[in-house]
C-alpha atoms as a PDB file:
ATOM      1  CA  MET A   1     131.785 -62.081 155.249  1.00  0.00           C
ATOM      2  CA  SER A   2     130.523 -59.457 157.578  1.00  0.00           C
ATOM      3  CA  TYR A   3     131.642 -55.845 156.969  1.00  0.00           C
ATOM      4  CA  ASP A   4     131.377 -55.178 160.651  1.00  0.00           C
ATOM      5  CA  ASN A   5     134.650 -56.999 161.070  1.00  0.00           C
ATOM      6  CA  ALA A   6     137.908 -56.042 159.530  1.00  0.00           C
ATOM      7  CA  LYS A   7     139.285 -58.556 157.096  1.00  0.00           C
ATOM      8  CA  ARG A   8     143.044 -59.092 156.833  1.00  0.00           C
ATOM      9  CA  ASP A   9     144.328 -59.955 153.334  1.00  0.00           C
ATOM     10  CA  SER A  10     148.103 -60.024 152.667  1.00  0.00           C
ATOM     11  CA  GLY A  11     148.753 -57.726 155.607  1.00  0.00           C
ATOM     12  CA  SER A  12     146.048 -55.138 154.624  1.00  0.00           C
ATOM     13  CA  VAL A  13     142.896 -54.248 156.398  1.00  0.00           C
ATOM     14  CA  MET A  14     139.669 -53.821 154.541  1.00  0.00           C
ATOM     15  CA  LYS A  15     137.712 -50.982 156.109  1.00  0.00           C
ATOM     16  CA  THR A  16     134.007 -50.608 156.288  1.00  0.00           C
ATOM     17  CA  VAL A  17     132.832 -47.905 153.874  1.00  0.00           C
ATOM     18  CA  ILE A  18     129.704 -46.072 155.020  1.00  0.00           C
ATOM     19  CA  GLN A  19     127.613 -45.152 151.941  1.00  0.00           C
ATOM     20  CA  THR A  20     125.020 -42.417 151.936  1.00  0.00           C
ATOM     21  CA  ILE A  21     122.701 -41.067 149.270  1.00  0.00           C
ATOM     22  CA  HIS A  22     121.989 -37.367 149.030  1.00  0.00           C
ATOM     23  CA  ALA A  23     118.587 -36.635 147.441  1.00  0.00           C
ATOM     24  CA  GLU A  24     118.089 -33.148 145.926  1.00  0.00           C
ATOM     25  CA  LEU A  25     114.701 -31.864 144.894  1.00  0.00           C
ATOM     26  CA  ILE A  26     114.702 -29.618 141.891  1.00  0.00           C
ATOM     27  CA  ALA A  27     111.775 -27.600 140.410  1.00  0.00           C
ATOM     28  CA  VAL A  28     111.327 -26.438 136.836  1.00  0.00           C
ATOM     29  CA  LEU A  29     108.577 -23.880 136.876  1.00  0.00           C
ATOM     30  CA  VAL A  30     107.339 -22.861 133.393  1.00  0.00           C
ATOM     31  CA  ALA A  31     105.104 -19.975 132.370  1.00  0.00           C
ATOM     32  CA  VAL A  32     104.293 -18.420 129.005  1.00  0.00           C
ATOM     33  CA  THR A  33     104.320 -14.635 129.011  1.00  0.00           C
ATOM     34  CA  GLY A  34     103.833 -12.494 125.931  1.00  0.00           C
ATOM     35  CA  SER A  35     104.450 -15.498 123.573  1.00  0.00           C
ATOM     36  CA  VAL A  36     107.753 -16.324 125.382  1.00  0.00           C
ATOM     37  CA  PRO A  37     108.183 -19.590 127.311  1.00  0.00           C
ATOM     38  CA  ARG A  38     109.805 -18.608 130.670  1.00  0.00           C
ATOM     39  CA  VAL A  39     111.393 -20.589 133.482  1.00  0.00           C
ATOM     40  CA  LEU A  40     111.864 -19.498 137.163  1.00  0.00           C
ATOM     41  CA  THR A  41     115.581 -19.490 138.126  1.00  0.00           C
ATOM     42  CA  LEU A  42     118.064 -18.534 140.795  1.00  0.00           C
ATOM     43  CA  ALA A  43     121.579 -17.243 140.632  1.00  0.00           C
ATOM     44  CA  ASP A  44     121.051 -14.884 137.627  1.00  0.00           C
ATOM     45  CA  GLY A  45     119.533 -17.615 135.575  1.00  0.00           C
ATOM     46  CA  SER A  46     122.040 -20.357 136.196  1.00  0.00           C
ATOM     47  CA  ALA A  47     120.121 -22.653 138.530  1.00  0.00           C
ATOM     48  CA  PHE A  48     116.689 -23.813 139.516  1.00  0.00           C
ATOM     49  CA  PRO A  49     115.074 -23.701 142.959  1.00  0.00           C
ATOM     50  CA  ALA A  50     116.358 -26.792 144.761  1.00  0.00           C
ATOM     51  CA  GLY A  51     117.108 -28.288 148.116  1.00  0.00           C
ATOM     52  CA  PRO A  52     117.723 -31.549 149.933  1.00  0.00           C
ATOM     53  CA  LEU A  53     115.009 -33.932 150.987  1.00  0.00           C
ATOM     54  CA  GLU A  54     114.615 -33.436 154.783  1.00  0.00           C
ATOM     55  CA  LEU A  55     113.250 -35.664 157.469  1.00  0.00           C
ATOM     56  CA  THR A  56     110.546 -33.089 158.122  1.00  0.00           C
ATOM     57  CA  HIS A  57     109.169 -33.278 154.573  1.00  0.00           C
ATOM     58  CA  ARG A  58     106.100 -35.517 154.639  1.00  0.00           C
ATOM     59  CA  SER A  59     106.579 -36.306 150.879  1.00  0.00           C
ATOM     60  CA  LEU A  60     108.814 -35.588 147.975  1.00  0.00           C
ATOM     61  CA  GLN A  61     106.237 -33.196 146.557  1.00  0.00           C
ATOM     62  CA  ALA A  62     105.869 -31.411 149.875  1.00  0.00           C
ATOM     63  CA  GLY A  63     109.595 -31.002 150.007  1.00  0.00           C
ATOM     64  CA  VAL A  64     109.888 -29.401 146.515  1.00  0.00           C
ATOM     65  CA  ARG A  65     106.967 -27.084 147.303  1.00  0.00           C
ATOM     66  CA  ALA A  66     108.666 -25.977 150.568  1.00  0.00           C
ATOM     67  CA  TRP A  67     112.028 -25.242 148.777  1.00  0.00           C
ATOM     68  CA  VAL A  68     110.387 -23.279 145.938  1.00  0.00           C
ATOM     69  CA  GLU A  69     108.250 -21.142 148.314  1.00  0.00           C
ATOM     70  CA  ARG A  70     111.231 -20.609 150.624  1.00  0.00           C
ATOM     71  CA  GLN A  71     113.646 -19.565 147.895  1.00  0.00           C
ATOM     72  CA  THR A  72     111.341 -17.701 145.520  1.00  0.00           C
ATOM     73  CA  HIS A  73     108.158 -16.915 147.414  1.00  0.00           C
ATOM     74  CA  HIS A  74     106.267 -18.249 144.443  1.00  0.00           C
ATOM     75  CA  PRO A  75     103.280 -20.425 145.345  1.00  0.00           C
ATOM     76  CA  LEU A  76     103.117 -23.730 143.473  1.00  0.00           C
ATOM     77  CA  GLY A  77      99.990 -24.920 141.723  1.00  0.00           C
ATOM     78  CA  TYR A  78     100.145 -27.881 139.289  1.00  0.00           C
ATOM     79  CA  ILE A  79     103.337 -29.981 139.469  1.00  0.00           C
ATOM     80  CA  GLU A  80     104.299 -33.472 138.371  1.00  0.00           C
ATOM     81  CA  GLN A  81     107.463 -35.506 138.861  1.00  0.00           C
ATOM     82  CA  LEU A  82     109.698 -35.084 135.794  1.00  0.00           C
ATOM     83  CA  TYR A  83     112.654 -37.446 136.126  1.00  0.00           C
ATOM     84  CA  THR A  84     115.122 -38.856 138.584  1.00  0.00           C
ATOM     85  CA  PHE A  85     118.806 -38.258 137.653  1.00  0.00           C
ATOM     86  CA  ALA A  86     121.097 -40.758 139.308  1.00  0.00           C
ATOM     87  CA  ASP A  87     124.079 -41.141 137.065  1.00  0.00           C
ATOM     88  CA  PRO A  88     126.997 -42.852 138.905  1.00  0.00           C
ATOM     89  CA  THR A  89     129.303 -39.821 138.396  1.00  0.00           C
ATOM     90  CA  ARG A  90     126.687 -37.319 139.441  1.00  0.00           C
ATOM     91  CA  GLY A  91     128.003 -35.726 142.626  1.00  0.00           C
ATOM     92  CA  ALA A  92     129.725 -38.981 143.723  1.00  0.00           C
ATOM     93  CA  THR A  93     132.508 -38.441 146.330  1.00  0.00           C
ATOM     94  CA  VAL A  94     134.654 -40.705 148.456  1.00  0.00           C
ATOM     95  CA  ALA A  95     136.489 -39.376 151.508  1.00  0.00           C
ATOM     96  CA  GLY A  96     137.989 -41.698 153.996  1.00  0.00           C
ATOM     97  CA  ASP A  97     135.330 -44.071 155.183  1.00  0.00           C
ATOM     98  CA  GLN A  98     132.538 -42.000 153.693  1.00  0.00           C
ATOM     99  CA  ALA A  99     131.102 -42.444 150.152  1.00  0.00           C
ATOM    100  CA  GLU A 100     128.299 -40.227 149.008  1.00  0.00           C
ATOM    101  CA  ARG A 101     126.101 -40.572 145.920  1.00  0.00           C
ATOM    102  CA  SER A 102     123.929 -37.645 144.780  1.00  0.00           C
ATOM    103  CA  ILE A 103     120.557 -38.013 142.969  1.00  0.00           C
ATOM    104  CA  SER A 104     118.228 -35.383 141.682  1.00  0.00           C
ATOM    105  CA  ILE A 105     114.471 -35.803 141.773  1.00  0.00           C
ATOM    106  CA  SER A 106     113.062 -33.141 139.409  1.00  0.00           C
ATOM    107  CA  TYR A 107     109.547 -31.721 139.182  1.00  0.00           C
ATOM    108  CA  LEU A 108     107.811 -29.755 136.400  1.00  0.00           C
ATOM    109  CA  GLY A 109     105.386 -27.071 137.383  1.00  0.00           C
ATOM    110  CA  LEU A 110     103.104 -25.028 135.172  1.00  0.00           C
ATOM    111  CA  THR A 111     102.111 -21.568 136.378  1.00  0.00           C
ATOM    112  CA  ARG A 112     101.544 -17.993 135.419  1.00  0.00           C
ATOM    113  CA  GLU A 113     104.360 -15.498 135.870  1.00  0.00           C
ATOM    114  CA  ILE A 114     104.315 -13.282 138.931  1.00  0.00           C
ATOM    115  CA  ALA A 115     106.999 -10.845 140.203  1.00  0.00           C
ATOM    116  CA  SER A 116     110.098 -12.636 141.437  1.00  0.00           C
ATOM    117  CA  GLY A 117     110.809 -12.959 145.166  1.00  0.00           C
ATOM    118  CA  GLY A 118     114.368 -11.712 145.533  1.00  0.00           C
ATOM    119  CA  ASP A 119     117.397 -10.147 143.938  1.00  0.00           C
ATOM    120  CA  THR A 120     118.669 -13.556 142.629  1.00  0.00           C
ATOM    121  CA  VAL A 121     115.283 -14.877 141.463  1.00  0.00           C
ATOM    122  CA  SER A 122     114.348 -14.194 137.880  1.00  0.00           C
ATOM    123  CA  TRP A 123     112.194 -15.425 134.972  1.00  0.00           C
ATOM    124  CA  GLN A 124     114.246 -16.440 131.960  1.00  0.00           C
ATOM    125  CA  ASN A 125     113.429 -17.171 128.351  1.00  0.00           C
ATOM    126  CA  ILE A 126     113.787 -20.976 127.876  1.00  0.00           C
ATOM    127  CA  TYR A 127     115.263 -20.359 124.438  1.00  0.00           C
ATOM    128  CA  ARG A 128     118.103 -18.456 126.033  1.00  0.00           C
ATOM    129  CA  TYR A 129     119.483 -21.918 126.911  1.00  0.00           C
ATOM    130  CA  PHE A 130     118.442 -23.603 123.699  1.00  0.00           C
ATOM    131  CA  PRO A 131     118.239 -20.995 120.940  1.00  0.00           C
ATOM    132  CA  TRP A 132     118.211 -23.699 118.224  1.00  0.00           C
ATOM    133  CA  GLU A 133     114.812 -24.886 119.604  1.00  0.00           C
ATOM    134  CA  ASP A 134     112.931 -21.772 118.705  1.00  0.00           C
ATOM    135  CA  ARG A 135     112.129 -22.051 114.961  1.00  0.00           C
ATOM    136  CA  ARG A 136     109.281 -19.516 114.943  1.00  0.00           C
ATOM    137  CA  SER A 137     111.235 -16.620 113.344  1.00  0.00           C
ATOM    138  CA  ASP A 138     114.564 -18.145 112.259  1.00  0.00           C
ATOM    139  CA  PRO A 139     114.426 -21.897 111.416  1.00  0.00           C
ATOM    140  CA  THR A 140     117.898 -21.587 109.743  1.00  0.00           C
ATOM    141  CA  LEU A 141     119.846 -21.101 112.950  1.00  0.00           C
ATOM    142  CA  ILE A 142     121.045 -24.660 112.986  1.00  0.00           C
ATOM    143  CA  GLU A 143     122.347 -24.428 109.392  1.00  0.00           C
ATOM    144  CA  ARG A 144     124.041 -21.105 109.957  1.00  0.00           C
ATOM    145  CA  THR A 145     125.636 -21.525 113.410  1.00  0.00           C
ATOM    146  CA  ILE A 146     125.695 -25.151 114.533  1.00  0.00           C
ATOM    147  CA  ARG A 147     125.979 -27.434 111.507  1.00  0.00           C
ATOM    148  CA  ALA A 148     129.623 -26.660 110.739  1.00  0.00           C
ATOM    149  CA  GLU A 149     130.682 -27.482 114.291  1.00  0.00           C
ATOM    150  CA  MET A 150     128.712 -30.641 114.326  1.00  0.00           C
ATOM    151  CA  GLY A 151     130.277 -31.557 110.875  1.00  0.00           C
ATOM    152  CA  ARG A 152     133.718 -31.661 112.589  1.00  0.00           C
ATOM    153  CA  TRP A 153     132.489 -34.367 114.962  1.00  0.00           C
ATOM    154  CA  VAL A 154     130.653 -36.328 112.319  1.00  0.00           C
ATOM    155  CA  GLY A 155     133.704 -36.461 109.915  1.00  0.00           C
ATOM    156  CA  THR A 156     133.237 -39.391 107.521  1.00  0.00           C
ATOM    157  CA  SER A 157     131.065 -41.561 109.941  1.00  0.00           C
ATOM    158  CA  ALA A 158     127.821 -42.541 108.360  1.00  0.00           C
ATOM    159  CA  GLU A 159     126.427 -43.586 111.776  1.00  0.00           C
ATOM    160  CA  ARG A 160     127.164 -40.161 113.314  1.00  0.00           C
ATOM    161  CA  ALA A 161     125.721 -38.405 110.265  1.00  0.00           C
ATOM    162  CA  ALA A 162     122.493 -40.346 110.637  1.00  0.00           C
ATOM    163  CA  ARG A 163     122.192 -39.453 114.279  1.00  0.00           C
ATOM    164  CA  VAL A 164     122.717 -35.748 113.596  1.00  0.00           C
ATOM    165  CA  ASN A 165     120.290 -35.707 110.695  1.00  0.00           C
ATOM    166  CA  ALA A 166     117.535 -37.496 112.695  1.00  0.00           C
ATOM    167  CA  CYS A 167     117.922 -35.254 115.771  1.00  0.00           C
ATOM    168  CA  PHE A 168     118.254 -31.914 113.928  1.00  0.00           C
ATOM    169  CA  GLY A 169     116.090 -32.447 110.924  1.00  0.00           C
ATOM    170  CA  LEU A 170     118.900 -32.152 108.352  1.00  0.00           C
ATOM    171  CA  ASP A 171     119.372 -33.560 104.856  1.00  0.00           C
ATOM    172  CA  GLY A 172     115.708 -34.405 104.369  1.00  0.00           C
ATOM    173  CA  SER A 173     114.949 -35.720 107.831  1.00  0.00           C
ATOM    174  CA  PRO A 174     111.882 -34.159 109.473  1.00  0.00           C
ATOM    175  CA  TRP A 175     112.194 -31.823 112.478  1.00  0.00           C
ATOM    176  CA  ASN A 176     110.785 -33.494 115.530  1.00  0.00           C
ATOM    177  CA  GLU A 177     110.130 -30.877 118.249  1.00  0.00           C
ATOM    178  CA  ASP A 178     109.840 -33.593 120.910  1.00  0.00           C
ATOM    179  CA  LEU A 179     113.601 -34.350 120.664  1.00  0.00           C
ATOM    180  CA  ALA A 180     114.838 -31.371 122.662  1.00  0.00           C
ATOM    181  CA  LEU A 181     116.578 -33.596 125.183  1.00  0.00           C
ATOM    182  CA  SER A 182     118.128 -35.855 122.540  1.00  0.00           C
ATOM    183  CA  ARG A 183     119.494 -32.842 120.719  1.00  0.00           C
ATOM    184  CA  TYR A 184     121.041 -31.312 123.907  1.00  0.00           C
ATOM    185  CA  GLU A 185     122.539 -34.733 124.889  1.00  0.00           C
ATOM    186  CA  LEU A 186     124.023 -35.094 121.387  1.00  0.00           C
ATOM    187  CA  LEU A 187     125.638 -31.656 121.566  1.00  0.00           C
ATOM    188  CA  TYR A 188     126.966 -32.514 125.068  1.00  0.00           C
ATOM    189  CA  GLU A 189     128.520 -35.697 123.550  1.00  0.00           C
ATOM    190  CA  MET A 190     130.124 -33.604 120.778  1.00  0.00           C
ATOM    191  CA  GLY A 191     131.610 -31.298 123.403  1.00  0.00           C
ATOM    192  CA  LEU A 192     129.891 -28.261 121.912  1.00  0.00           C
ATOM    193  CA  VAL A 193     128.081 -27.053 125.060  1.00  0.00           C
ATOM    194  CA  ARG A 194     130.046 -25.491 127.887  1.00  0.00           C
ATOM    195  CA  GLU A 195     128.907 -27.995 130.438  1.00  0.00           C
ATOM    196  CA  ALA A 196     130.822 -30.676 128.584  1.00  0.00           C
ATOM    197  CA  ALA A 197     134.081 -28.820 128.888  1.00  0.00           C
ATOM    198  CA  ARG A 198     133.392 -28.083 132.533  1.00  0.00           C
ATOM    199  CA  ASP A 199     132.867 -31.779 133.124  1.00  0.00           C
ATOM    200  CA  GLY A 200     136.235 -32.555 131.583  1.00  0.00           C
ATOM    201  CA  GLN A 201     135.075 -33.694 128.140  1.00  0.00           C
ATOM    202  CA  SER A 202     137.167 -32.725 125.092  1.00  0.00           C
ATOM    203  CA  ASN A 203     135.872 -29.951 122.868  1.00  0.00           C
ATOM    204  CA  ASN A 204     135.490 -30.711 119.121  1.00  0.00           C
ATOM    205  CA  GLY A 205     134.972 -27.088 117.956  1.00  0.00           C
ATOM    206  CA  GLU A 206     133.669 -23.719 119.039  1.00  0.00           C
ATOM    207  CA  PHE A 207     130.968 -23.659 121.726  1.00  0.00           C
ATOM    208  CA  ILE A 208     127.562 -23.096 120.219  1.00  0.00           C
ATOM    209  CA  PRO A 209     125.126 -20.369 121.480  1.00  0.00           C
ATOM    210  CA  GLY A 210     123.172 -21.072 124.600  1.00  0.00           C
ATOM    211  CA  ALA A 211     123.578 -20.079 128.324  1.00  0.00           C
ATOM    212  CA  MET A 212     125.307 -22.512 130.628  1.00  0.00           C
ATOM    213  CA  MET A 213     123.636 -23.685 133.850  1.00  0.00           C
ATOM    214  CA  HIS A 214     124.771 -25.090 137.206  1.00  0.00           C
ATOM    215  CA  ALA A 215     125.547 -28.883 137.365  1.00  0.00           C
ATOM    216  CA  ASP A 216     123.049 -30.719 135.111  1.00  0.00           C
ATOM    217  CA  HIS A 217     120.307 -28.156 135.271  1.00  0.00           C
ATOM    218  CA  ARG A 218     120.333 -27.507 131.557  1.00  0.00           C
ATOM    219  CA  ARG A 219     119.905 -31.163 130.864  1.00  0.00           C
ATOM    220  CA  ILE A 220     116.935 -31.180 133.345  1.00  0.00           C
ATOM    221  CA  LEU A 221     115.442 -28.144 131.502  1.00  0.00           C
ATOM    222  CA  ALA A 222     115.850 -30.065 128.205  1.00  0.00           C
ATOM    223  CA  THR A 223     114.014 -32.939 129.746  1.00  0.00           C
ATOM    224  CA  ALA A 224     111.215 -30.577 130.797  1.00  0.00           C
ATOM    225  CA  LEU A 225     110.977 -29.011 127.378  1.00  0.00           C
ATOM    226  CA  SER A 226     110.675 -32.405 125.677  1.00  0.00           C
ATOM    227  CA  ARG A 227     107.997 -33.494 128.191  1.00  0.00           C
ATOM    228  CA  LEU A 228     105.955 -30.379 127.549  1.00  0.00           C
ATOM    229  CA  ARG A 229     106.180 -30.567 123.821  1.00  0.00           C
ATOM    230  CA  ALA A 230     105.052 -34.188 123.815  1.00  0.00           C
ATOM    231  CA  LYS A 231     102.292 -33.648 126.373  1.00  0.00           C
ATOM    232  CA  ILE A 232     100.544 -30.673 124.633  1.00  0.00           C
ATOM    233  CA  LYS A 233      99.621 -33.192 121.876  1.00  0.00           C
ATOM    234  CA  TYR A 234      97.527 -35.348 124.104  1.00  0.00           C
ATOM    235  CA  ARG A 235      96.577 -33.370 127.162  1.00  0.00           C
ATOM    236  CA  ALA A 236      95.170 -29.899 127.553  1.00  0.00           C
ATOM    237  CA  ILE A 237      97.912 -28.745 129.880  1.00  0.00           C
ATOM    238  CA  VAL A 238      98.000 -25.200 128.404  1.00  0.00           C
ATOM    239  CA  TYR A 239      95.008 -24.313 130.562  1.00  0.00           C
ATOM    240  CA  GLU A 240      97.521 -24.125 133.498  1.00  0.00           C
ATOM    241  CA  LEU A 241      99.371 -21.352 131.625  1.00  0.00           C
ATOM    242  CA  MET A 242      96.404 -19.295 130.341  1.00  0.00           C
ATOM    243  CA  PRO A 243      94.386 -16.623 132.121  1.00  0.00           C
ATOM    244  CA  GLU A 244      90.672 -17.423 132.906  1.00  0.00           C
ATOM    245  CA  SER A 245      89.606 -15.968 129.540  1.00  0.00           C
ATOM    246  CA  PHE A 246      91.604 -15.436 126.394  1.00  0.00           C
ATOM    247  CA  SER A 247      91.340 -14.939 122.583  1.00  0.00           C
ATOM    248  CA  LEU A 248      92.014 -17.813 120.193  1.00  0.00           C
ATOM    249  CA  LEU A 249      95.113 -16.005 118.993  1.00  0.00           C
ATOM    250  CA  GLU A 250      96.510 -15.843 122.514  1.00  0.00           C
ATOM    251  CA  LEU A 251      95.934 -19.569 122.935  1.00  0.00           C
ATOM    252  CA  GLN A 252      97.665 -20.307 119.667  1.00  0.00           C
ATOM    253  CA  ARG A 253     100.632 -18.112 120.594  1.00  0.00           C
ATOM    254  CA  CYS A 254     101.021 -19.984 123.947  1.00  0.00           C
ATOM    255  CA  VAL A 255     101.093 -23.346 122.155  1.00  0.00           C
ATOM    256  CA  GLU A 256     103.545 -22.033 119.532  1.00  0.00           C
ATOM    257  CA  ALA A 257     105.768 -20.728 122.280  1.00  0.00           C
ATOM    258  CA  LEU A 258     106.108 -24.235 123.814  1.00  0.00           C
ATOM    259  CA  ALA A 259     106.389 -25.957 120.457  1.00  0.00           C
ATOM    260  CA  GLY A 260     108.906 -23.500 119.119  1.00  0.00           C
ATOM    261  CA  GLN A 261     107.093 -23.432 115.783  1.00  0.00           C
ATOM    262  CA  ARG A 262     104.356 -21.529 114.054  1.00  0.00           C
ATOM    263  CA  LEU A 263     101.014 -23.245 113.826  1.00  0.00           C
ATOM    264  CA  HIS A 264      98.628 -23.243 110.832  1.00  0.00           C
ATOM    265  CA  LYS A 265      95.865 -20.848 112.031  1.00  0.00           C
ATOM    266  CA  SER A 266      92.833 -22.399 110.311  1.00  0.00           C
ATOM    267  CA  ASN A 267      93.874 -25.931 111.141  1.00  0.00           C
ATOM    268  CA  PHE A 268      94.554 -25.009 114.710  1.00  0.00           C
ATOM    269  CA  ARG A 269      91.019 -23.539 115.050  1.00  0.00           C
ATOM    270  CA  ARG A 270      89.412 -26.579 113.383  1.00  0.00           C
ATOM    271  CA  LEU A 271      91.348 -28.760 115.811  1.00  0.00           C
ATOM    272  CA  LEU A 272      90.008 -26.828 118.804  1.00  0.00           C
ATOM    273  CA  ALA A 273      86.465 -26.971 117.492  1.00  0.00           C
ATOM    274  CA  SER A 274      86.552 -30.724 116.747  1.00  0.00           C
ATOM    275  CA  GLN A 275      87.770 -31.546 120.231  1.00  0.00           C
ATOM    276  CA  ASN A 276      85.251 -29.291 121.994  1.00  0.00           C
ATOM    277  CA  LEU A 277      87.837 -27.758 124.341  1.00  0.00           C
ATOM    278  CA  LEU A 278      86.508 -24.211 124.716  1.00  0.00           C
ATOM    279  CA  GLU A 279      83.272 -22.286 125.295  1.00  0.00           C
ATOM    280  CA  GLU A 280      82.639 -18.643 124.476  1.00  0.00           C
ATOM    281  CA  THR A 281      82.331 -15.953 127.081  1.00  0.00           C
ATOM    282  CA  ALA A 282      80.188 -12.863 126.704  1.00  0.00           C
ATOM    283  CA  HIS A 283      83.315 -10.622 126.535  1.00  0.00           C
ATOM    284  CA  TYR A 284      85.695  -9.257 123.936  1.00  0.00           C
ATOM    285  CA  ALA A 285      89.393  -8.388 124.208  1.00  0.00           C
ATOM    286  CA  PRO A 286      90.023  -4.605 124.211  1.00  0.00           C
ATOM    287  CA  GLY A 287      92.036  -3.135 121.401  1.00  0.00           C
ATOM    288  CA  VAL A 288      92.108  -1.256 118.152  1.00  0.00           C
ATOM    289  CA  GLY A 289      89.957  -2.583 115.260  1.00  0.00           C
ATOM    290  CA  ARG A 290      87.590  -5.510 115.435  1.00  0.00           C
ATOM    291  CA  PRO A 291      87.579  -6.845 119.011  1.00  0.00           C
ATOM    292  CA  ALA A 292      88.469 -10.516 119.457  1.00  0.00           C
ATOM    293  CA  LYS A 293      85.998 -12.727 121.200  1.00  0.00           C
ATOM    294  CA  LEU A 294      87.172 -14.201 124.459  1.00  0.00           C
ATOM    295  CA  PHE A 295      86.967 -17.923 125.307  1.00  0.00           C
ATOM    296  CA  ARG A 296      87.568 -20.146 128.367  1.00  0.00           C
ATOM    297  CA  PHE A 297      88.214 -23.822 128.748  1.00  0.00           C
ATOM    298  CA  ARG A 298      85.126 -25.924 129.403  1.00  0.00           C
ATOM    299  CA  ALA A 299      84.436 -26.719 133.054  1.00  0.00           C
ATOM    300  CA  ALA A 300      84.237 -30.400 132.188  1.00  0.00           C
ATOM    301  CA  LEU A 301      87.651 -30.249 130.627  1.00  0.00           C
ATOM    302  CA  LEU A 302      89.155 -28.781 133.769  1.00  0.00           C
ATOM    303  CA  ALA A 303      87.648 -31.610 135.706  1.00  0.00           C
ATOM    304  CA  GLU A 304      88.855 -34.410 133.312  1.00  0.00           C
ATOM    305  CA  ARG A 305      92.127 -32.747 132.305  1.00  0.00           C
ATOM    306  CA  ALA A 306      92.564 -34.772 129.200  1.00  0.00           C
ATOM    307  CA  ILE A 307      91.877 -34.699 125.417  1.00  0.00           C
ATOM    308  CA  ALA A 308      92.285 -37.077 122.604  1.00  0.00           C
ATOM    309  CA  GLY A 309      95.779 -37.452 121.142  1.00  0.00           C
ATOM    310  CA  THR A 310      96.662 -35.417 117.999  1.00  0.00           C
ATOM    311  CA  ARG A 311      99.547 -33.907 116.176  1.00  0.00           C
ATOM    312  CA  LEU A 312     100.113 -30.138 116.249  1.00  0.00           C
ATOM    313  CA  PRO A 313      99.002 -28.350 113.052  1.00  0.00           C
ATOM    314  CA  ILE A 314     102.445 -26.973 112.244  1.00  0.00           C
ATOM    315  CA  ALA A 315     102.622 -24.175 109.652  1.00  0.00           C
ATOM    316  CA  ARG A 316     105.271 -25.432 107.149  1.00  0.00           C
ATOM    317  CA  PRO A 317     107.464 -22.789 105.343  1.00  0.00           C
END
C-alpha cells in the first residue's frame, strides 16, 4: 500500500503522517578546580549548552563546538561522544499530520575552568546534583538521608532490596563508584528525584537532596560521571584537567574529586611510579614549609594518551 494515496476503510480516510526527527547536540564540559569537579551550565545551573544539528554543521562534533562557543564563549579542547538518548517518549509530539521525535546526542569535554561568558553561564559543583556520590568527607549521607526513603519503595521485596544494596553499597555490598548512572536511574524509578514527578511518575516518599535539571540533563550528567569514573582507571585522562606542572598531591586531589572518594596516598604514588606516567620538573610549588616538587606528564604519554588498566587505590575507612 502506498502512503501517497488515501486509503478508505469503513468510511474513514487514512492520512499520510509526515515524521521528522529533531537532533539536539548537548555538551557536558567538566573541569576540576580546587578539588571540586565542576560542570559548565546555562540557566542558573539547570541546563547544559545545547542546540539543534543544522545543515551548516559539517559534522556532529563541529555542531556541538559551535553551540558551546556561541552560548558560553568557552573554547573546546578534548571532547568525545558520550551517548545518544532516543527514548520513544523523549520529546515525542504528534500534531495533525506532523509527528516529531527528539533525540539527544551528548558529548563529554574535559577542560580547565575559565571565567564564564555571560550572566546565565556558570560553573557548578557536580555533587550539587548528586550529593550522595561524594563520599570524601561524609560517606554516611546515604544511610542518613536516603535509605529510609528507599526502604518505602523496597518494602518486603527481596529483588528490590538486592538492587538497592548492589547500587548503593548497603548491607555488606561494596560501593562501586562507576554506578553513578545506575543509582540515579534507580532513584528516578523510585520517584525520589524531582524529575520523576515532573515527568508524571508517582512519588514514593520525600524527594532526596540534589538539584533538578532541565529535561533529561541530570541523567546525561550521571552518564558522564559514570564514564569519567570508569575511564580514569584505564586512561590518563586527568592530564586534560591539570595545569602544565603540578604537585603529586594536586594530582591525587583531582582524581579523588572525580572518584568521589579518598585515595590511599602511598599506594597512589606507587601506582604512578609503576606506570611511569610522570617526569620531574626543576621547579617547586610555592608555599609555607617544605616546598612540593612539581611534575608533568611525560611527553610520550601525551602522544599515546593511554595507560594500563588498574583499580584506584581507594582509602578505606
